[in-house]
N, C-alpha and C. Protein backbone atom coordinates (compact mmCIF):
# COMPACT_ATOMS: atom_id res chain seq x y z
N UNK A 1 -7.52 5.64 -17.72
CA UNK A 1 -6.31 5.85 -17.14
C UNK A 1 -5.78 7.29 -17.48
N UNK A 2 -5.14 7.94 -16.51
CA UNK A 2 -4.58 9.20 -16.76
C UNK A 2 -3.36 9.26 -17.74
N UNK A 3 -3.37 10.29 -18.56
CA UNK A 3 -2.22 10.45 -19.41
C UNK A 3 -1.18 11.32 -18.83
N UNK A 4 -1.57 12.02 -17.71
CA UNK A 4 -0.61 12.83 -16.95
C UNK A 4 0.34 12.01 -16.18
N UNK A 5 1.57 12.51 -15.95
CA UNK A 5 2.46 11.81 -15.16
C UNK A 5 2.62 12.44 -13.83
N UNK A 6 3.01 11.67 -12.85
CA UNK A 6 3.16 12.22 -11.48
C UNK A 6 4.25 13.27 -11.52
N UNK A 7 4.24 14.18 -10.63
CA UNK A 7 5.21 15.29 -10.52
C UNK A 7 6.60 14.65 -10.25
N UNK A 8 7.67 15.38 -10.55
CA UNK A 8 9.01 14.83 -10.33
C UNK A 8 9.20 14.19 -9.03
N UNK A 9 8.79 14.84 -7.92
CA UNK A 9 9.07 14.29 -6.55
C UNK A 9 8.34 13.00 -6.38
N UNK A 10 7.36 12.65 -7.12
CA UNK A 10 6.49 11.47 -6.89
C UNK A 10 6.79 10.36 -7.92
N UNK A 11 7.61 10.65 -8.95
CA UNK A 11 7.80 9.56 -10.01
C UNK A 11 8.42 8.31 -9.44
N UNK A 12 9.35 8.38 -8.53
CA UNK A 12 9.98 7.29 -7.95
C UNK A 12 9.01 6.41 -7.12
N UNK A 13 8.12 7.21 -6.46
CA UNK A 13 7.17 6.45 -5.63
C UNK A 13 6.08 5.75 -6.58
N UNK A 14 5.77 6.48 -7.61
CA UNK A 14 4.71 5.83 -8.54
C UNK A 14 5.30 4.56 -9.16
N UNK A 15 6.59 4.59 -9.57
CA UNK A 15 7.22 3.39 -10.07
C UNK A 15 7.38 2.30 -9.02
N UNK A 16 7.66 2.71 -7.79
CA UNK A 16 7.80 1.78 -6.71
C UNK A 16 6.47 1.11 -6.30
N UNK A 17 5.35 1.95 -6.40
CA UNK A 17 4.09 1.35 -6.06
C UNK A 17 3.73 0.23 -7.07
N UNK A 18 3.96 0.53 -8.38
CA UNK A 18 3.75 -0.41 -9.44
C UNK A 18 4.62 -1.65 -9.23
N UNK A 19 5.93 -1.55 -9.00
CA UNK A 19 6.82 -2.58 -8.87
C UNK A 19 6.44 -3.48 -7.65
N UNK A 20 6.13 -2.86 -6.48
CA UNK A 20 5.78 -3.61 -5.31
C UNK A 20 4.47 -4.37 -5.51
N UNK A 21 3.49 -3.78 -6.10
CA UNK A 21 2.27 -4.46 -6.30
C UNK A 21 2.32 -5.59 -7.40
N UNK A 22 3.13 -5.35 -8.41
CA UNK A 22 3.34 -6.27 -9.44
C UNK A 22 4.03 -7.55 -8.91
N UNK A 23 5.06 -7.32 -8.04
CA UNK A 23 5.70 -8.40 -7.42
C UNK A 23 4.91 -9.10 -6.38
N UNK A 24 4.18 -8.32 -5.57
CA UNK A 24 3.33 -8.98 -4.53
C UNK A 24 2.17 -9.80 -5.23
N UNK A 25 1.60 -9.33 -6.32
CA UNK A 25 0.59 -9.97 -7.04
C UNK A 25 1.05 -11.32 -7.62
N UNK A 26 2.33 -11.25 -8.20
CA UNK A 26 2.89 -12.41 -8.85
C UNK A 26 3.12 -13.44 -7.74
N UNK A 27 3.69 -12.99 -6.62
CA UNK A 27 4.02 -13.94 -5.57
C UNK A 27 2.67 -14.56 -5.00
N UNK A 28 1.71 -13.70 -4.79
CA UNK A 28 0.43 -14.28 -4.24
C UNK A 28 -0.18 -15.33 -5.10
N UNK A 29 0.10 -15.26 -6.41
CA UNK A 29 -0.52 -16.30 -7.27
C UNK A 29 0.42 -17.52 -7.38
N UNK A 30 1.57 -17.44 -6.82
CA UNK A 30 2.58 -18.51 -7.06
C UNK A 30 2.79 -19.33 -5.73
N UNK A 31 2.41 -18.78 -4.55
CA UNK A 31 2.68 -19.49 -3.38
C UNK A 31 1.68 -20.56 -3.04
N UNK A 32 2.19 -21.62 -2.43
CA UNK A 32 1.22 -22.71 -1.98
C UNK A 32 0.50 -22.39 -0.72
N UNK A 33 -0.52 -23.12 -0.48
CA UNK A 33 -1.28 -23.02 0.80
C UNK A 33 -0.30 -23.24 1.99
N UNK A 34 0.59 -24.17 1.89
CA UNK A 34 1.53 -24.44 2.93
C UNK A 34 2.43 -23.17 3.21
N UNK A 35 2.89 -22.57 2.14
CA UNK A 35 3.74 -21.42 2.28
C UNK A 35 3.02 -20.33 2.89
N UNK A 36 1.73 -20.14 2.47
CA UNK A 36 0.89 -19.06 3.00
C UNK A 36 0.82 -19.17 4.57
N UNK A 37 0.86 -20.38 5.17
CA UNK A 37 0.75 -20.65 6.57
C UNK A 37 2.08 -20.32 7.30
N UNK A 38 3.12 -20.12 6.57
CA UNK A 38 4.45 -19.84 7.18
C UNK A 38 4.44 -18.58 8.00
N UNK A 39 5.05 -18.53 9.20
CA UNK A 39 5.13 -17.31 9.95
C UNK A 39 6.15 -16.29 9.36
N UNK A 40 5.92 -15.06 9.69
CA UNK A 40 6.80 -13.98 9.22
C UNK A 40 7.47 -13.34 10.41
N UNK A 41 8.23 -12.33 10.18
CA UNK A 41 8.88 -11.58 11.26
C UNK A 41 7.86 -10.72 12.09
N UNK A 42 6.63 -10.56 11.63
CA UNK A 42 5.60 -9.88 12.42
C UNK A 42 5.04 -10.89 13.29
N UNK A 43 5.13 -10.68 14.59
CA UNK A 43 4.70 -11.78 15.58
C UNK A 43 3.12 -12.09 15.34
N UNK A 44 2.96 -13.38 15.15
CA UNK A 44 1.62 -13.86 14.91
C UNK A 44 1.13 -13.80 13.44
N UNK A 45 1.92 -13.22 12.62
CA UNK A 45 1.42 -13.09 11.22
C UNK A 45 2.01 -14.14 10.32
N UNK A 46 1.24 -14.59 9.37
CA UNK A 46 1.71 -15.58 8.42
C UNK A 46 1.92 -14.82 7.09
N UNK A 47 2.45 -15.49 6.15
CA UNK A 47 2.67 -14.92 4.81
C UNK A 47 1.31 -14.50 4.24
N UNK A 48 0.28 -15.27 4.42
CA UNK A 48 -1.07 -14.92 3.99
C UNK A 48 -1.44 -13.55 4.55
N UNK A 49 -1.23 -13.39 5.91
CA UNK A 49 -1.57 -12.18 6.57
C UNK A 49 -0.83 -10.90 5.96
N UNK A 50 0.49 -11.16 5.43
CA UNK A 50 1.19 -10.02 4.95
C UNK A 50 0.51 -9.63 3.57
N UNK A 51 0.18 -10.57 2.77
CA UNK A 51 -0.52 -10.34 1.47
C UNK A 51 -1.78 -9.56 1.65
N UNK A 52 -2.59 -10.12 2.64
CA UNK A 52 -3.89 -9.55 2.95
C UNK A 52 -3.74 -8.12 3.46
N UNK A 53 -2.74 -7.92 4.32
CA UNK A 53 -2.54 -6.57 4.86
C UNK A 53 -2.21 -5.51 3.83
N UNK A 54 -1.26 -5.84 2.88
CA UNK A 54 -0.91 -4.93 1.92
C UNK A 54 -2.14 -4.53 1.07
N UNK A 55 -2.93 -5.51 0.64
CA UNK A 55 -4.12 -5.18 -0.19
C UNK A 55 -5.15 -4.50 0.53
N UNK A 56 -5.44 -4.85 1.78
CA UNK A 56 -6.59 -4.28 2.66
C UNK A 56 -6.31 -2.97 3.20
N UNK A 57 -5.04 -2.61 3.44
CA UNK A 57 -4.71 -1.31 4.06
C UNK A 57 -4.64 -0.24 3.08
N UNK A 58 -4.63 -0.49 1.85
CA UNK A 58 -4.59 0.54 0.80
C UNK A 58 -5.76 1.45 0.66
N UNK A 59 -6.88 0.96 0.96
CA UNK A 59 -8.07 1.78 0.86
C UNK A 59 -7.93 3.06 1.65
N UNK A 60 -7.45 2.97 2.86
CA UNK A 60 -7.38 4.09 3.74
C UNK A 60 -6.40 5.14 3.15
N UNK A 61 -5.25 4.69 2.64
CA UNK A 61 -4.27 5.49 2.10
C UNK A 61 -4.85 6.22 0.85
N UNK A 62 -5.52 5.43 -0.06
CA UNK A 62 -6.03 6.01 -1.26
C UNK A 62 -7.15 6.97 -1.00
N UNK A 63 -8.00 6.77 0.04
CA UNK A 63 -9.05 7.72 0.36
C UNK A 63 -8.38 9.01 0.92
N UNK A 64 -7.38 8.89 1.72
CA UNK A 64 -6.63 10.08 2.26
C UNK A 64 -5.95 10.84 1.09
N UNK A 65 -5.26 10.14 0.21
CA UNK A 65 -4.59 10.79 -0.90
C UNK A 65 -5.59 11.35 -1.82
N UNK A 66 -6.73 10.77 -2.05
CA UNK A 66 -7.77 11.25 -2.99
C UNK A 66 -8.33 12.57 -2.40
N UNK A 67 -8.46 12.61 -1.07
CA UNK A 67 -9.06 13.86 -0.42
C UNK A 67 -8.04 14.95 -0.54
N UNK A 68 -6.78 14.70 -0.42
CA UNK A 68 -5.75 15.68 -0.64
C UNK A 68 -5.66 16.20 -2.12
N UNK A 69 -5.82 15.28 -3.00
CA UNK A 69 -5.88 15.63 -4.39
C UNK A 69 -7.00 16.63 -4.71
N UNK A 70 -8.12 16.41 -4.00
CA UNK A 70 -9.25 17.33 -4.17
C UNK A 70 -9.11 18.69 -3.36
N UNK A 71 -8.01 18.82 -2.66
CA UNK A 71 -7.68 20.11 -1.99
C UNK A 71 -8.24 20.13 -0.61
N UNK A 72 -8.67 19.06 -0.08
CA UNK A 72 -9.20 18.98 1.34
C UNK A 72 -8.27 18.25 2.21
N UNK A 73 -8.39 18.41 3.51
CA UNK A 73 -7.66 17.68 4.52
C UNK A 73 -8.34 16.45 4.86
N UNK A 74 -7.62 15.27 4.73
CA UNK A 74 -8.30 14.01 5.03
C UNK A 74 -8.55 13.77 6.48
N UNK A 75 -9.37 12.80 6.83
CA UNK A 75 -9.56 12.36 8.18
C UNK A 75 -8.46 11.44 8.54
N UNK A 76 -7.41 11.97 9.33
CA UNK A 76 -6.29 11.19 9.65
C UNK A 76 -6.46 10.22 10.71
N UNK A 77 -7.65 10.17 11.27
CA UNK A 77 -7.91 9.22 12.35
C UNK A 77 -7.80 7.77 11.82
N UNK A 78 -7.90 7.65 10.51
CA UNK A 78 -7.77 6.25 9.93
C UNK A 78 -6.40 5.73 10.13
N UNK A 79 -5.44 6.59 10.49
CA UNK A 79 -4.04 6.16 10.71
C UNK A 79 -3.79 6.00 12.15
N UNK A 80 -4.77 6.23 13.06
CA UNK A 80 -4.51 6.06 14.41
C UNK A 80 -4.96 4.54 14.82
N UNK A 81 -4.49 4.05 15.87
CA UNK A 81 -4.82 2.66 16.26
C UNK A 81 -4.57 1.77 15.18
N UNK A 82 -3.42 1.81 14.55
CA UNK A 82 -3.05 1.01 13.35
C UNK A 82 -3.20 -0.50 13.58
N UNK A 83 -2.80 -0.95 14.80
CA UNK A 83 -2.86 -2.39 15.05
C UNK A 83 -4.37 -2.91 15.07
N UNK A 84 -5.27 -2.06 15.67
CA UNK A 84 -6.63 -2.40 15.73
C UNK A 84 -7.24 -2.44 14.26
N UNK A 85 -6.85 -1.41 13.46
CA UNK A 85 -7.37 -1.31 12.12
C UNK A 85 -6.85 -2.45 11.34
N UNK A 86 -5.58 -2.82 11.46
CA UNK A 86 -4.91 -3.95 10.73
C UNK A 86 -5.71 -5.19 11.10
N UNK A 87 -6.00 -5.44 12.33
CA UNK A 87 -6.74 -6.67 12.73
C UNK A 87 -8.15 -6.73 12.10
N UNK A 88 -8.84 -5.55 12.08
CA UNK A 88 -10.16 -5.50 11.44
C UNK A 88 -10.05 -5.76 9.95
N UNK A 89 -9.10 -5.20 9.32
CA UNK A 89 -8.93 -5.36 7.88
C UNK A 89 -8.57 -6.85 7.67
N UNK A 90 -7.67 -7.43 8.35
CA UNK A 90 -7.32 -8.85 8.17
C UNK A 90 -8.59 -9.72 8.35
N UNK A 91 -9.34 -9.51 9.31
CA UNK A 91 -10.60 -10.28 9.56
C UNK A 91 -11.54 -10.04 8.41
N UNK A 92 -11.66 -8.93 7.91
CA UNK A 92 -12.61 -8.66 6.70
C UNK A 92 -12.06 -9.34 5.45
N UNK A 93 -10.84 -9.52 5.36
CA UNK A 93 -10.30 -10.13 4.10
C UNK A 93 -9.95 -11.53 4.24
N UNK A 94 -10.16 -12.16 5.36
CA UNK A 94 -9.66 -13.50 5.66
C UNK A 94 -10.19 -14.51 4.64
N UNK A 95 -11.33 -14.32 4.07
CA UNK A 95 -11.76 -15.41 3.12
C UNK A 95 -11.46 -15.09 1.60
N UNK A 96 -10.73 -14.02 1.38
CA UNK A 96 -10.35 -13.73 0.01
C UNK A 96 -9.35 -14.73 -0.55
N UNK A 97 -9.50 -15.04 -1.84
CA UNK A 97 -8.52 -15.93 -2.45
C UNK A 97 -7.27 -15.12 -2.81
N UNK A 98 -6.18 -15.85 -3.01
CA UNK A 98 -4.97 -15.14 -3.43
C UNK A 98 -5.15 -14.47 -4.79
N UNK A 99 -6.00 -15.14 -5.65
CA UNK A 99 -6.30 -14.47 -6.97
C UNK A 99 -6.98 -13.08 -6.77
N UNK A 100 -7.91 -13.09 -5.80
CA UNK A 100 -8.61 -11.85 -5.50
C UNK A 100 -7.62 -10.78 -4.98
N UNK A 101 -6.72 -11.25 -4.17
CA UNK A 101 -5.74 -10.31 -3.50
C UNK A 101 -4.83 -9.85 -4.66
N UNK A 102 -4.33 -10.76 -5.50
CA UNK A 102 -3.49 -10.20 -6.65
C UNK A 102 -4.19 -9.30 -7.58
N UNK A 103 -5.46 -9.57 -7.86
CA UNK A 103 -6.24 -8.59 -8.75
C UNK A 103 -6.39 -7.26 -8.09
N UNK A 104 -6.61 -7.24 -6.74
CA UNK A 104 -6.76 -6.01 -5.99
C UNK A 104 -5.43 -5.24 -6.00
N UNK A 105 -4.34 -5.96 -5.85
CA UNK A 105 -3.03 -5.25 -5.83
C UNK A 105 -2.76 -4.65 -7.15
N UNK A 106 -3.11 -5.27 -8.28
CA UNK A 106 -2.89 -4.76 -9.59
C UNK A 106 -3.79 -3.55 -9.88
N UNK A 107 -5.01 -3.58 -9.40
CA UNK A 107 -5.86 -2.45 -9.54
C UNK A 107 -5.36 -1.24 -8.74
N UNK A 108 -4.89 -1.54 -7.54
CA UNK A 108 -4.39 -0.50 -6.71
C UNK A 108 -3.12 0.26 -7.27
N UNK A 109 -2.32 -0.52 -8.04
CA UNK A 109 -1.19 0.10 -8.61
C UNK A 109 -1.59 1.16 -9.65
N UNK A 110 -2.57 0.85 -10.47
CA UNK A 110 -3.15 1.84 -11.43
C UNK A 110 -3.83 3.00 -10.71
N UNK A 111 -4.67 2.67 -9.68
CA UNK A 111 -5.32 3.72 -8.91
C UNK A 111 -4.41 4.69 -8.22
N UNK A 112 -3.43 4.13 -7.56
CA UNK A 112 -2.38 5.03 -6.90
C UNK A 112 -1.62 5.89 -7.83
N UNK A 113 -1.30 5.31 -9.00
CA UNK A 113 -0.61 6.24 -10.01
C UNK A 113 -1.49 7.21 -10.62
N UNK A 114 -2.70 6.92 -10.78
CA UNK A 114 -3.68 8.00 -11.22
C UNK A 114 -3.83 9.12 -10.21
N UNK A 115 -3.80 8.77 -8.92
CA UNK A 115 -3.89 9.76 -7.93
C UNK A 115 -2.62 10.60 -7.84
N UNK A 116 -1.40 9.97 -7.94
CA UNK A 116 -0.20 10.68 -7.89
C UNK A 116 -0.13 11.63 -9.14
N UNK A 117 -0.61 11.22 -10.31
CA UNK A 117 -0.62 12.05 -11.43
C UNK A 117 -1.40 13.30 -11.33
N UNK A 118 -2.41 13.29 -10.40
CA UNK A 118 -3.26 14.46 -10.15
C UNK A 118 -2.62 15.48 -9.24
N UNK A 119 -1.48 15.11 -8.62
CA UNK A 119 -0.79 16.03 -7.78
C UNK A 119 0.19 16.93 -8.59
N UNK A 120 0.60 18.04 -8.03
CA UNK A 120 1.60 18.85 -8.77
C UNK A 120 2.89 18.97 -8.00
N UNK A 121 3.79 19.71 -8.54
CA UNK A 121 5.10 19.78 -7.91
C UNK A 121 5.00 20.37 -6.52
N UNK A 122 4.23 21.38 -6.29
CA UNK A 122 4.15 22.03 -5.02
C UNK A 122 3.49 21.14 -3.92
N UNK A 123 2.79 20.18 -4.35
CA UNK A 123 2.14 19.23 -3.37
C UNK A 123 3.16 18.39 -2.55
N UNK A 124 4.33 18.24 -3.17
CA UNK A 124 5.41 17.48 -2.42
C UNK A 124 5.75 18.03 -1.03
N UNK A 125 5.76 19.42 -0.98
CA UNK A 125 6.08 20.06 0.22
C UNK A 125 4.86 20.77 0.92
N UNK A 126 3.70 20.67 0.34
CA UNK A 126 2.51 21.30 0.89
C UNK A 126 2.08 20.52 2.10
N UNK A 127 1.85 21.30 3.12
CA UNK A 127 1.26 20.68 4.38
C UNK A 127 -0.06 21.27 4.69
N UNK A 128 -1.07 20.53 4.26
CA UNK A 128 -2.52 21.05 4.54
C UNK A 128 -2.74 21.32 6.03
N UNK A 129 -3.56 22.29 6.26
CA UNK A 129 -4.01 22.62 7.62
C UNK A 129 -4.50 21.36 8.31
N UNK A 130 -4.05 21.19 9.47
CA UNK A 130 -4.43 20.03 10.34
C UNK A 130 -3.61 18.78 10.12
N UNK A 131 -2.75 18.78 9.15
CA UNK A 131 -1.84 17.67 8.89
C UNK A 131 -0.51 17.92 9.54
N UNK A 132 0.07 16.87 10.21
CA UNK A 132 1.34 17.05 10.87
C UNK A 132 2.55 16.89 9.93
N UNK A 133 2.17 16.65 8.70
CA UNK A 133 3.34 16.39 7.71
C UNK A 133 2.89 16.83 6.32
N UNK A 134 3.81 16.94 5.42
CA UNK A 134 3.48 17.40 4.01
C UNK A 134 2.99 16.14 3.29
N UNK A 135 2.37 16.45 2.16
CA UNK A 135 1.85 15.33 1.37
C UNK A 135 2.92 14.37 0.87
N UNK A 136 4.07 15.03 0.53
CA UNK A 136 5.15 14.14 0.05
C UNK A 136 5.67 13.11 1.19
N UNK A 137 5.66 13.61 2.39
CA UNK A 137 6.01 12.78 3.48
C UNK A 137 5.02 11.63 3.67
N UNK A 138 3.78 11.94 3.47
CA UNK A 138 2.76 10.85 3.52
C UNK A 138 2.92 9.78 2.57
N UNK A 139 3.23 10.28 1.32
CA UNK A 139 3.41 9.33 0.21
C UNK A 139 4.74 8.51 0.49
N UNK A 140 5.75 9.18 0.93
CA UNK A 140 7.02 8.46 1.32
C UNK A 140 6.77 7.48 2.36
N UNK A 141 6.05 7.76 3.46
CA UNK A 141 5.76 6.88 4.53
C UNK A 141 5.09 5.67 4.02
N UNK A 142 4.08 5.85 3.14
CA UNK A 142 3.29 4.70 2.59
C UNK A 142 4.22 3.83 1.71
N UNK A 143 5.10 4.47 1.01
CA UNK A 143 6.08 3.67 0.19
C UNK A 143 6.94 2.78 1.17
N UNK A 144 7.34 3.30 2.32
CA UNK A 144 8.11 2.51 3.20
C UNK A 144 7.29 1.33 3.72
N UNK A 145 6.01 1.56 3.93
CA UNK A 145 5.10 0.51 4.38
C UNK A 145 5.03 -0.65 3.44
N UNK A 146 5.03 -0.32 2.15
CA UNK A 146 5.15 -1.38 1.15
C UNK A 146 6.44 -2.18 1.21
N UNK A 147 7.47 -1.54 1.28
CA UNK A 147 8.85 -2.15 1.33
C UNK A 147 8.90 -3.07 2.56
N UNK A 148 8.45 -2.59 3.62
CA UNK A 148 8.53 -3.38 4.91
C UNK A 148 7.75 -4.73 4.74
N UNK A 149 6.54 -4.65 4.25
CA UNK A 149 5.66 -5.93 4.21
C UNK A 149 6.10 -6.78 3.02
N UNK A 150 6.52 -6.20 1.95
CA UNK A 150 7.06 -6.99 0.86
C UNK A 150 8.35 -7.68 1.34
N UNK A 151 9.20 -7.04 2.15
CA UNK A 151 10.37 -7.59 2.75
C UNK A 151 10.00 -8.80 3.60
N UNK A 152 8.94 -8.66 4.36
CA UNK A 152 8.54 -9.84 5.24
C UNK A 152 8.06 -10.95 4.35
N UNK A 153 7.44 -10.74 3.22
CA UNK A 153 7.04 -11.80 2.35
C UNK A 153 8.35 -12.44 1.69
N UNK A 154 9.22 -11.67 1.27
CA UNK A 154 10.43 -12.18 0.60
C UNK A 154 11.18 -13.02 1.59
N UNK A 155 11.31 -12.58 2.84
CA UNK A 155 12.06 -13.21 3.90
C UNK A 155 11.30 -14.59 4.20
N UNK A 156 10.04 -14.52 4.30
CA UNK A 156 9.24 -15.74 4.56
C UNK A 156 9.42 -16.79 3.50
N UNK A 157 9.50 -16.29 2.24
CA UNK A 157 9.63 -17.22 1.12
C UNK A 157 11.18 -17.54 0.89
N UNK A 158 12.00 -16.87 1.57
CA UNK A 158 13.50 -17.12 1.50
C UNK A 158 13.99 -16.72 0.11
N UNK A 159 13.49 -15.51 -0.35
CA UNK A 159 13.93 -15.04 -1.66
C UNK A 159 15.09 -14.14 -1.40
N UNK A 160 16.16 -14.25 -2.18
CA UNK A 160 17.30 -13.46 -2.12
C UNK A 160 17.09 -12.22 -3.02
N UNK A 161 16.80 -11.07 -2.44
CA UNK A 161 16.57 -9.91 -3.35
C UNK A 161 17.29 -8.76 -2.78
């Protein structure tokens, strides 16, 4: 694990990624099969789908962020046709246990923070050629993605947070 800390602009996101994944992992291990079948605010999605989506969608974000850390422009086509990609990811993860999902979420928390720690202060506003937004905006957008899906899980479990 890296001993470097994320740059100032990313510290809140780093903490948020850990908190969101820690909470989601804990919830994934504590919900019953009956609860996992409960629908959420996403039409046609269950609580299980929300957990699977958070864990399965992160690979694309981490590959893009890793490419940026290396000073290259990522293939942003992974963020196009999000609904189709989400459906493929859900299908690929359909048979995973909640323990596997929780373990993946915890691993991703560490990996995301290691990637953020490799960025510097200027990366927050740096807009690589070919990208329609700055690196900091991409990180912020993904943090909002976490909050949205974790909110769907909390609402489905009727947790007051």
